[in-house]
Amino acid sequence: MASTPEKKVKEKIKQILKARGAVYCMPMGTGYGSAGVSDFIVCYKGYFIAIEAKAGKGTTTALQDKWLAEVEDSGGKSLVINENNVGELNQILEDTYWERFIKGNT
């Protein structure tokens, strides 16, 4: 089975999260779950992060945007990661960068 561009982004995200020791899950997109929930639900150093993976010109849906906004409104952080910015995820998770990211002073 061929690997899709989005699947490659997800694999890179998994590698970064595992290397950092983050705890994460990937909710199944079925009719029984909550619509719009991000591809990755992450806990890292006590912070809640929702990560939506995209590839190419893929954009978030209205339901995904709603979920990501709800995460931010609840004090968590939300990210949309694609092949162009996946390298930034590692930087965001670095200790020296993390506090500035959480405080919104990037």
Protein backbone atom coordinates (compact mmCIF):
# COMPACT_ATOMS: atom_id res chain seq x y z
CA MET A 1 0.00 0.00 0.00
CA ALA A 2 1.44 3.37 -1.03
CA SER A 3 2.14 5.99 1.59
CA THR A 4 0.17 9.21 1.12
CA PRO A 5 1.82 12.61 1.63
CA GLU A 6 -0.29 13.16 4.77
CA LYS A 7 0.71 9.76 6.13
CA LYS A 8 4.37 10.75 5.69
CA VAL A 9 3.73 13.92 7.72
CA LYS A 10 2.03 11.85 10.43
CA GLU A 11 4.99 9.45 10.54
CA LYS A 12 7.42 12.35 10.99
CA ILE A 13 5.24 13.81 13.77
CA LYS A 14 5.22 10.40 15.49
CA GLN A 15 9.02 10.20 15.27
CA ILE A 16 9.43 13.64 16.85
CA LEU A 17 6.91 12.98 19.61
CA LYS A 18 8.48 9.60 20.47
CA ALA A 19 11.99 11.08 20.50
CA ARG A 20 10.83 13.77 22.93
CA GLY A 21 9.03 11.32 25.21
CA ALA A 22 5.61 12.88 24.61
CA VAL A 23 2.50 10.86 25.32
CA TYR A 24 0.04 10.91 22.43
CA CYS A 25 -2.88 9.16 20.85
CA MET A 26 -4.41 9.30 17.42
CA PRO A 27 -8.21 9.21 17.65
CA MET A 28 -9.95 7.10 15.05
CA GLY A 29 -12.07 9.07 12.62
CA THR A 30 -15.26 7.07 12.83
CA GLY A 31 -18.92 7.96 13.08
CA TYR A 32 -18.76 7.24 16.81
CA GLY A 33 -16.15 9.87 17.71
CA SER A 34 -16.27 13.63 17.94
CA ALA A 35 -16.15 15.31 14.54
CA GLY A 36 -13.18 17.59 13.93
CA VAL A 37 -10.90 16.16 16.63
CA SER A 38 -7.23 16.53 15.69
CA ASP A 39 -5.05 13.75 14.34
CA PHE A 40 -2.85 13.81 17.46
CA ILE A 41 -3.81 14.48 21.06
CA VAL A 42 -0.56 15.10 22.93
CA CYS A 43 0.56 15.57 26.51
CA TYR A 44 4.09 16.93 26.77
CA LYS A 45 5.63 18.20 29.99
CA GLY A 46 2.17 18.80 31.39
CA TYR A 47 0.86 20.67 28.36
CA PHE A 48 -2.08 19.62 26.21
CA ILE A 49 -1.44 19.96 22.48
CA ALA A 50 -3.74 19.15 19.56
CA ILE A 51 -1.94 18.56 16.27
CA GLU A 52 -3.72 18.45 12.92
CA ALA A 53 -1.61 16.92 10.14
CA LYS A 54 -2.01 18.14 6.57
CA ALA A 55 -0.10 17.73 3.33
CA GLY A 56 0.20 19.68 0.13
CA LYS A 57 -2.48 22.31 -0.16
CA GLY A 58 -4.65 20.56 2.41
CA THR A 59 -6.48 22.89 4.74
CA THR A 60 -8.42 22.38 7.92
CA THR A 61 -12.17 21.94 7.80
CA ALA A 62 -14.62 24.13 9.69
CA LEU A 63 -15.08 21.38 12.29
CA GLN A 64 -11.31 21.04 12.71
CA ASP A 65 -10.98 24.81 13.08
CA LYS A 66 -13.70 24.74 15.75
CA TRP A 67 -11.91 21.99 17.69
CA LEU A 68 -8.53 23.76 17.45
CA ALA A 69 -10.10 27.00 18.71
CA GLU A 70 -11.75 25.16 21.61
CA VAL A 71 -8.39 23.68 22.59
CA GLU A 72 -6.83 27.16 22.63
CA ASP A 73 -9.79 28.60 24.55
CA SER A 74 -9.33 25.85 27.16
CA GLY A 75 -5.66 26.71 27.71
CA GLY A 76 -4.10 24.09 25.44
CA LYS A 77 -2.09 24.66 22.28
CA SER A 78 -3.12 23.72 18.77
CA LEU A 79 -0.89 23.21 15.77
CA VAL A 80 -1.43 22.51 12.09
CA ILE A 81 1.64 20.66 10.84
CA ASN A 82 2.48 19.90 7.22
CA GLU A 83 5.59 18.88 5.29
CA ASN A 84 6.71 22.53 5.17
CA ASN A 85 6.70 23.14 8.93
CA VAL A 86 7.10 19.67 10.46
CA GLY A 87 10.70 20.53 11.38
CA GLU A 88 9.41 23.36 13.57
CA LEU A 89 7.61 20.84 15.79
CA ASN A 90 10.95 19.71 17.19
CA GLN A 91 11.88 23.32 17.93
CA ILE A 92 8.53 23.99 19.61
CA LEU A 93 9.09 21.03 21.91
CA GLU A 94 12.63 22.07 22.89
CA ASP A 95 12.86 23.21 26.50
CA THR A 96 14.39 26.59 25.64
CA TYR A 97 11.59 27.42 23.20
CA TRP A 98 8.68 25.85 25.02
CA GLU A 99 7.96 28.59 27.56
CA ARG A 100 7.94 31.32 24.89
CA PHE A 101 5.58 29.20 22.77
CA ILE A 102 3.14 28.63 25.62
CA LYS A 103 3.18 32.30 26.55
CA GLY A 104 2.59 33.27 22.92
CA ASN A 105 5.82 35.21 22.55
CA THR A 106 7.20 33.35 19.55
